[in-house]
C-alpha atoms as a PDB file:
ATOM      1  CA  MET A   1     121.711 102.887 163.539  1.00  0.00           C
ATOM      2  CA  GLU A   2     120.260 100.326 161.583  1.00  0.00           C
ATOM      3  CA  GLU A   3     117.175 100.468 163.592  1.00  0.00           C
ATOM      4  CA  LYS A   4     116.640 103.939 163.217  1.00  0.00           C
ATOM      5  CA  ILE A   5     117.046 104.041 159.215  1.00  0.00           C
ATOM      6  CA  LYS A   6     113.871 101.466 159.214  1.00  0.00           C
ATOM      7  CA  ILE A   7     111.913 103.836 161.905  1.00  0.00           C
ATOM      8  CA  TYR A   8     112.933 107.086 159.289  1.00  0.00           C
ATOM      9  CA  LEU A   9     111.806 104.441 156.500  1.00  0.00           C
ATOM     10  CA  ILE A  10     108.408 103.676 157.851  1.00  0.00           C
ATOM     11  CA  ILE A  11     107.815 107.393 159.163  1.00  0.00           C
ATOM     12  CA  ILE A  12     108.609 108.352 155.246  1.00  0.00           C
ATOM     13  CA  PHE A  13     105.879 106.152 153.862  1.00  0.00           C
ATOM     14  CA  LEU A  14     103.358 107.090 156.813  1.00  0.00           C
ATOM     15  CA  PHE A  15     103.837 110.657 155.562  1.00  0.00           C
ATOM     16  CA  LEU A  16     103.628 109.965 152.214  1.00  0.00           C
ATOM     17  CA  PRO A  17     100.013 109.743 149.511  1.00  0.00           C
ATOM     18  CA  SER A  18     100.576 106.587 148.392  1.00  0.00           C
ATOM     19  CA  VAL A  19     103.570 104.069 149.246  1.00  0.00           C
ATOM     20  CA  PHE A  20     104.814 101.130 146.688  1.00  0.00           C
ATOM     21  CA  TYR A  21     102.823  97.636 147.532  1.00  0.00           C
ATOM     22  CA  GLY A  22     103.896  95.555 144.804  1.00  0.00           C
ATOM     23  CA  GLU A  23     104.997  95.055 141.048  1.00  0.00           C
ATOM     24  CA  ASP A  24     103.265  97.739 139.735  1.00  0.00           C
ATOM     25  CA  THR A  25     100.559  98.765 142.362  1.00  0.00           C
ATOM     26  CA  TRP A  26     100.436 101.725 144.813  1.00  0.00           C
ATOM     27  CA  LEU A  27      98.397 102.065 148.179  1.00  0.00           C
ATOM     28  CA  ASN A  28      96.680 104.702 149.645  1.00  0.00           C
ATOM     29  CA  ASN A  29      97.782 104.869 153.137  1.00  0.00           C
ATOM     30  CA  GLY A  30      98.720 101.615 152.975  1.00  0.00           C
ATOM     31  CA  LYS A  31      95.306 100.101 152.461  1.00  0.00           C
ATOM     32  CA  ASP A  32      93.636 100.774 149.333  1.00  0.00           C
ATOM     33  CA  ILE A  33      95.185  99.872 146.645  1.00  0.00           C
ATOM     34  CA  VAL A  34      95.327 102.740 143.964  1.00  0.00           C
ATOM     35  CA  GLN A  35      94.873 102.859 140.083  1.00  0.00           C
ATOM     36  CA  ASP A  36      97.296 105.085 137.871  1.00  0.00           C
ATOM     37  CA  SER A  37      96.497 108.256 137.744  1.00  0.00           C
ATOM     38  CA  GLU A  38      97.691 111.100 136.137  1.00  0.00           C
ATOM     39  CA  ASN A  39     100.404 111.973 138.494  1.00  0.00           C
ATOM     40  CA  ILE A  40     100.795 108.439 139.726  1.00  0.00           C
ATOM     41  CA  LYS A  41     101.904 105.647 137.860  1.00  0.00           C
ATOM     42  CA  ALA A  42     103.571 102.409 137.915  1.00  0.00           C
ATOM     43  CA  LYS A  43     105.289  99.525 135.101  1.00  0.00           C
ATOM     44  CA  ASP A  44     106.973  96.303 135.439  1.00  0.00           C
ATOM     45  CA  GLY A  45     107.634  97.128 139.545  1.00  0.00           C
ATOM     46  CA  PHE A  46     108.954 100.982 138.726  1.00  0.00           C
ATOM     47  CA  GLY A  47     106.771 103.456 139.928  1.00  0.00           C
ATOM     48  CA  ALA A  48     106.569 107.415 139.559  1.00  0.00           C
ATOM     49  CA  GLN A  49     105.080 110.052 141.258  1.00  0.00           C
ATOM     50  CA  LEU A  50     104.542 113.829 140.211  1.00  0.00           C
ATOM     51  CA  TRP A  51     103.645 116.498 143.034  1.00  0.00           C
ATOM     52  CA  LEU A  52     103.807 120.297 142.755  1.00  0.00           C
ATOM     53  CA  ILE A  53     104.384 121.773 146.223  1.00  0.00           C
ATOM     54  CA  ASN A  54     105.025 124.547 148.566  1.00  0.00           C
ATOM     55  CA  PRO A  55     108.170 123.656 149.442  1.00  0.00           C
ATOM     56  CA  GLY A  56     108.858 125.819 152.821  1.00  0.00           C
ATOM     57  CA  ASP A  57     111.810 122.848 153.773  1.00  0.00           C
ATOM     58  CA  PHE A  58     110.554 120.328 152.352  1.00  0.00           C
ATOM     59  CA  PHE A  59     113.839 119.560 150.412  1.00  0.00           C
ATOM     60  CA  GLU A  60     116.221 120.223 153.388  1.00  0.00           C
ATOM     61  CA  LYS A  61     114.524 118.268 156.028  1.00  0.00           C
ATOM     62  CA  TRP A  62     114.116 115.387 153.173  1.00  0.00           C
ATOM     63  CA  ASN A  63     117.230 112.946 154.195  1.00  0.00           C
ATOM     64  CA  THR A  64     117.070 113.972 157.568  1.00  0.00           C
ATOM     65  CA  PRO A  65     114.676 111.686 160.824  1.00  0.00           C
ATOM     66  CA  GLU A  66     112.321 114.382 161.195  1.00  0.00           C
ATOM     67  CA  THR A  67     109.563 113.647 158.425  1.00  0.00           C
ATOM     68  CA  PRO A  68     109.144 116.516 156.068  1.00  0.00           C
ATOM     69  CA  LYS A  69     105.476 117.407 155.624  1.00  0.00           C
ATOM     70  CA  LEU A  70     104.592 117.202 151.928  1.00  0.00           C
ATOM     71  CA  GLU A  71     102.290 120.332 151.345  1.00  0.00           C
ATOM     72  CA  VAL A  72     100.736 119.665 147.974  1.00  0.00           C
ATOM     73  CA  THR A  73      99.089 122.913 145.912  1.00  0.00           C
ATOM     74  CA  LYS A  74      96.941 123.169 142.747  1.00  0.00           C
ATOM     75  CA  ARG A  75      97.426 126.967 143.812  1.00  0.00           C
ATOM     76  CA  ALA A  76     100.306 129.917 142.506  1.00  0.00           C
ATOM     77  CA  ARG A  77     100.900 133.101 143.371  1.00  0.00           C
ATOM     78  CA  ARG A  78     103.087 135.635 142.328  1.00  0.00           C
ATOM     79  CA  ASN A  79     106.545 135.754 142.865  1.00  0.00           C
ATOM     80  CA  VAL A  80     105.599 133.035 145.404  1.00  0.00           C
ATOM     81  CA  PRO A  81     107.898 129.881 144.347  1.00  0.00           C
ATOM     82  CA  ILE A  82     106.248 126.310 143.927  1.00  0.00           C
ATOM     83  CA  SER A  83     108.292 122.455 143.206  1.00  0.00           C
ATOM     84  CA  THR A  84     107.837 119.874 141.304  1.00  0.00           C
ATOM     85  CA  VAL A  85     108.361 116.301 143.384  1.00  0.00           C
ATOM     86  CA  ILE A  86     109.248 113.950 141.692  1.00  0.00           C
ATOM     87  CA  LEU A  87     109.259 110.288 143.450  1.00  0.00           C
ATOM     88  CA  PHE A  88     110.136 106.930 142.715  1.00  0.00           C
ATOM     89  CA  VAL A  89     110.672 103.514 143.450  1.00  0.00           C
ATOM     90  CA  ASN A  90     112.062 100.196 142.524  1.00  0.00           C
ATOM     91  CA  PRO A  91     114.561 101.392 139.770  1.00  0.00           C
ATOM     92  CA  GLY A  92     116.319  98.987 137.036  1.00  0.00           C
ATOM     93  CA  VAL A  93     120.005  99.046 137.609  1.00  0.00           C
ATOM     94  CA  ASN A  94     122.749  98.034 135.275  1.00  0.00           C
ATOM     95  CA  ASN A  95     125.649  95.748 135.467  1.00  0.00           C
ATOM     96  CA  LYS A  96     127.895  98.176 137.378  1.00  0.00           C
ATOM     97  CA  SER A  97     124.715  97.568 140.298  1.00  0.00           C
ATOM     98  CA  LYS A  98     123.873 101.655 138.959  1.00  0.00           C
ATOM     99  CA  CYS A  99     120.395 102.985 138.015  1.00  0.00           C
ATOM    100  CA  ASP A 100     119.556 105.442 135.084  1.00  0.00           C
ATOM    101  CA  ILE A 101     116.602 107.231 135.596  1.00  0.00           C
ATOM    102  CA  ILE A 102     115.984 111.262 134.050  1.00  0.00           C
ATOM    103  CA  TYR A 103     112.766 112.828 133.186  1.00  0.00           C
ATOM    104  CA  ASN A 104     111.555 116.017 130.772  1.00  0.00           C
ATOM    105  CA  ILE A 105     109.373 118.557 131.612  1.00  0.00           C
ATOM    106  CA  LEU A 106     108.052 120.953 129.250  1.00  0.00           C
ATOM    107  CA  ILE A 107     105.482 123.576 131.131  1.00  0.00           C
ATOM    108  CA  LYS A 108     102.503 125.750 129.601  1.00  0.00           C
ATOM    109  CA  LYS A 109     101.037 128.749 130.359  1.00  0.00           C
ATOM    110  CA  PRO A 110      96.770 129.238 129.840  1.00  0.00           C
ATOM    111  CA  ASP A 111      97.077 130.330 126.416  1.00  0.00           C
ATOM    112  CA  GLY A 112      98.965 126.660 125.606  1.00  0.00           C
ATOM    113  CA  GLU A 113     102.193 128.740 125.006  1.00  0.00           C
ATOM    114  CA  VAL A 114     105.363 126.722 126.198  1.00  0.00           C
ATOM    115  CA  TYR A 115     106.831 128.569 129.941  1.00  0.00           C
ATOM    116  CA  ALA A 116     109.584 125.769 130.361  1.00  0.00           C
ATOM    117  CA  ASN A 117     111.238 122.727 128.583  1.00  0.00           C
ATOM    118  CA  PHE A 118     113.382 121.005 130.428  1.00  0.00           C
ATOM    119  CA  LYS A 119     115.150 117.429 128.373  1.00  0.00           C
ATOM    120  CA  ASP A 120     117.186 115.080 130.647  1.00  0.00           C
ATOM    121  CA  VAL A 121     116.644 116.432 133.860  1.00  0.00           C
ATOM    122  CA  GLU A 122     118.373 113.855 136.487  1.00  0.00           C
ATOM    123  CA  VAL A 123     115.750 111.260 138.385  1.00  0.00           C
ATOM    124  CA  TRP A 124     118.407 108.706 139.610  1.00  0.00           C
ATOM    125  CA  GLN A 125     121.987 108.229 137.203  1.00  0.00           C
ATOM    126  CA  ASN A 126     124.944 106.636 138.276  1.00  0.00           C
ATOM    127  CA  LYS A 127     123.997 105.965 141.906  1.00  0.00           C
ATOM    128  CA  PRO A 128     123.016 102.751 144.002  1.00  0.00           C
ATOM    129  CA  ALA A 129     119.225 101.777 143.380  1.00  0.00           C
ATOM    130  CA  PRO A 130     117.559 102.814 146.728  1.00  0.00           C
ATOM    131  CA  LEU A 131     116.167  99.675 149.067  1.00  0.00           C
ATOM    132  CA  LYS A 132     113.730  97.747 147.581  1.00  0.00           C
ATOM    133  CA  ASN A 133     109.734  99.480 147.977  1.00  0.00           C
ATOM    134  CA  THR A 134     111.496 102.509 149.267  1.00  0.00           C
ATOM    135  CA  ILE A 135     110.107 105.847 148.095  1.00  0.00           C
ATOM    136  CA  GLN A 136     112.835 107.892 146.419  1.00  0.00           C
ATOM    137  CA  LEU A 137     113.223 111.971 145.742  1.00  0.00           C
ATOM    138  CA  ALA A 138     114.530 112.928 142.667  1.00  0.00           C
ATOM    139  CA  ALA A 139     117.974 114.341 142.818  1.00  0.00           C
ATOM    140  CA  GLN A 140     116.988 117.581 140.729  1.00  0.00           C
ATOM    141  CA  ASN A 141     113.097 118.917 141.505  1.00  0.00           C
ATOM    142  CA  ILE A 142     112.131 121.911 139.560  1.00  0.00           C
ATOM    143  CA  GLY A 143     110.672 124.838 141.333  1.00  0.00           C
ATOM    144  CA  ILE A 144     108.429 127.271 139.365  1.00  0.00           C
ATOM    145  CA  MET A 145     107.639 130.728 139.758  1.00  0.00           C
ATOM    146  CA  ILE A 146     104.822 132.925 138.071  1.00  0.00           C
ATOM    147  CA  GLU A 147     106.251 136.600 137.868  1.00  0.00           C
ATOM    148  CA  ASN A 148     104.536 139.585 137.186  1.00  0.00           C
ATOM    149  CA  LYS A 149     104.710 139.327 133.589  1.00  0.00           C
ATOM    150  CA  ASP A 150     103.278 135.726 133.435  1.00  0.00           C
ATOM    151  CA  PRO A 151      99.643 135.502 132.357  1.00  0.00           C
ATOM    152  CA  LEU A 152      97.179 134.114 135.261  1.00  0.00           C
ATOM    153  CA  GLY A 153      95.288 130.849 134.287  1.00  0.00           C
ATOM    154  CA  LYS A 154      95.760 127.324 134.597  1.00  0.00           C
ATOM    155  CA  TYR A 155      99.001 126.117 133.884  1.00  0.00           C
ATOM    156  CA  THR A 156     100.160 122.909 132.912  1.00  0.00           C
ATOM    157  CA  VAL A 157     103.046 120.522 133.775  1.00  0.00           C
ATOM    158  CA  ASP A 158     103.753 117.314 132.049  1.00  0.00           C
ATOM    159  CA  VAL A 159     106.859 115.003 132.659  1.00  0.00           C
ATOM    160  CA  LEU A 160     107.951 111.295 130.649  1.00  0.00           C
ATOM    161  CA  VAL A 161     110.230 109.782 134.042  1.00  0.00           C
ATOM    162  CA  LYS A 162     112.338 107.487 131.379  1.00  0.00           C
ATOM    163  CA  ASP A 163     114.074 104.587 133.828  1.00  0.00           C
ATOM    164  CA  ARG A 164     116.617 104.079 130.748  1.00  0.00           C
ATOM    165  CA  VAL A 165     117.921 100.395 132.594  1.00  0.00           C
ATOM    166  CA  LYS A 166     114.123  98.895 132.825  1.00  0.00           C
ATOM    167  CA  ASN A 167     113.511 100.561 129.815  1.00  0.00           C
ATOM    168  CA  VAL A 168     110.041 101.391 131.357  1.00  0.00           C
ATOM    169  CA  GLU A 169     108.658 105.431 130.298  1.00  0.00           C
ATOM    170  CA  LEU A 170     105.982 106.347 132.561  1.00  0.00           C
ATOM    171  CA  PRO A 171     103.989 109.900 131.736  1.00  0.00           C
ATOM    172  CA  LEU A 172     102.551 112.229 134.891  1.00  0.00           C
ATOM    173  CA  HIS A 173     100.749 115.274 134.765  1.00  0.00           C
ATOM    174  CA  GLN A 174      99.358 117.763 137.322  1.00  0.00           C
ATOM    175  CA  GLU A 175      97.698 121.258 136.472  1.00  0.00           C
ATOM    176  CA  PHE A 176      97.831 124.390 138.826  1.00  0.00           C
ATOM    177  CA  ILE A 177      96.124 128.071 138.947  1.00  0.00           C
ATOM    178  CA  ALA A 178      98.456 130.875 139.342  1.00  0.00           C
ATOM    179  CA  GLU A 179      95.841 134.031 140.599  1.00  0.00           C
END
C-alpha cells in the first residue's frame, strides 16, 4: 500500500504545473525555479497556488489513483461552471498536530462591483498536515457560473490564503473573461 501511495504522489507532482522544492521555492516541471507570481506564492516554507479550471471530474479524481486533469482556463461561458482550485504545501501545525488554514475570496465583475465575497473558507482545518512537500487540494473550492443576467468582460479573483499557525498570509490573483 505504501508503494502505491508513493507512486501516486509522484504522479500528482508530475501533472501539476509546479511542484514545491524547498523553503520558499516552486519548481516548474520539476526543473526551473519559479519566482512568486500573481497566483503562486510561498513564504516561510508554506506555499499556495490559485487556479481557475473547467472542473470536469477533477475533484472526484483528486483522491484516487487516477491522475486528475487540471484544465486551467482564463475564459468562462454563460451557464457553464468554472471552479477555483486552491493548492497548498507545508502548512504549520499547532500543539495538537493539526493545521489551521483558511482563505478569503473576492470576485469582482468587469465594472468593479462585487460578484462574490466569502470569508474564512476552509483550506485545511483541524486535520493533520499532509506529508512534507506534498501538494494538497483545499477542502473547499468555490464554483463560479456566469448567468444570463451577469455582465460579460474581465472578472478578477483575489484570494488571501492564511496559515494561522505559521502566521503567513499569501495574496493570490487570477482573472478570467466571461464571454
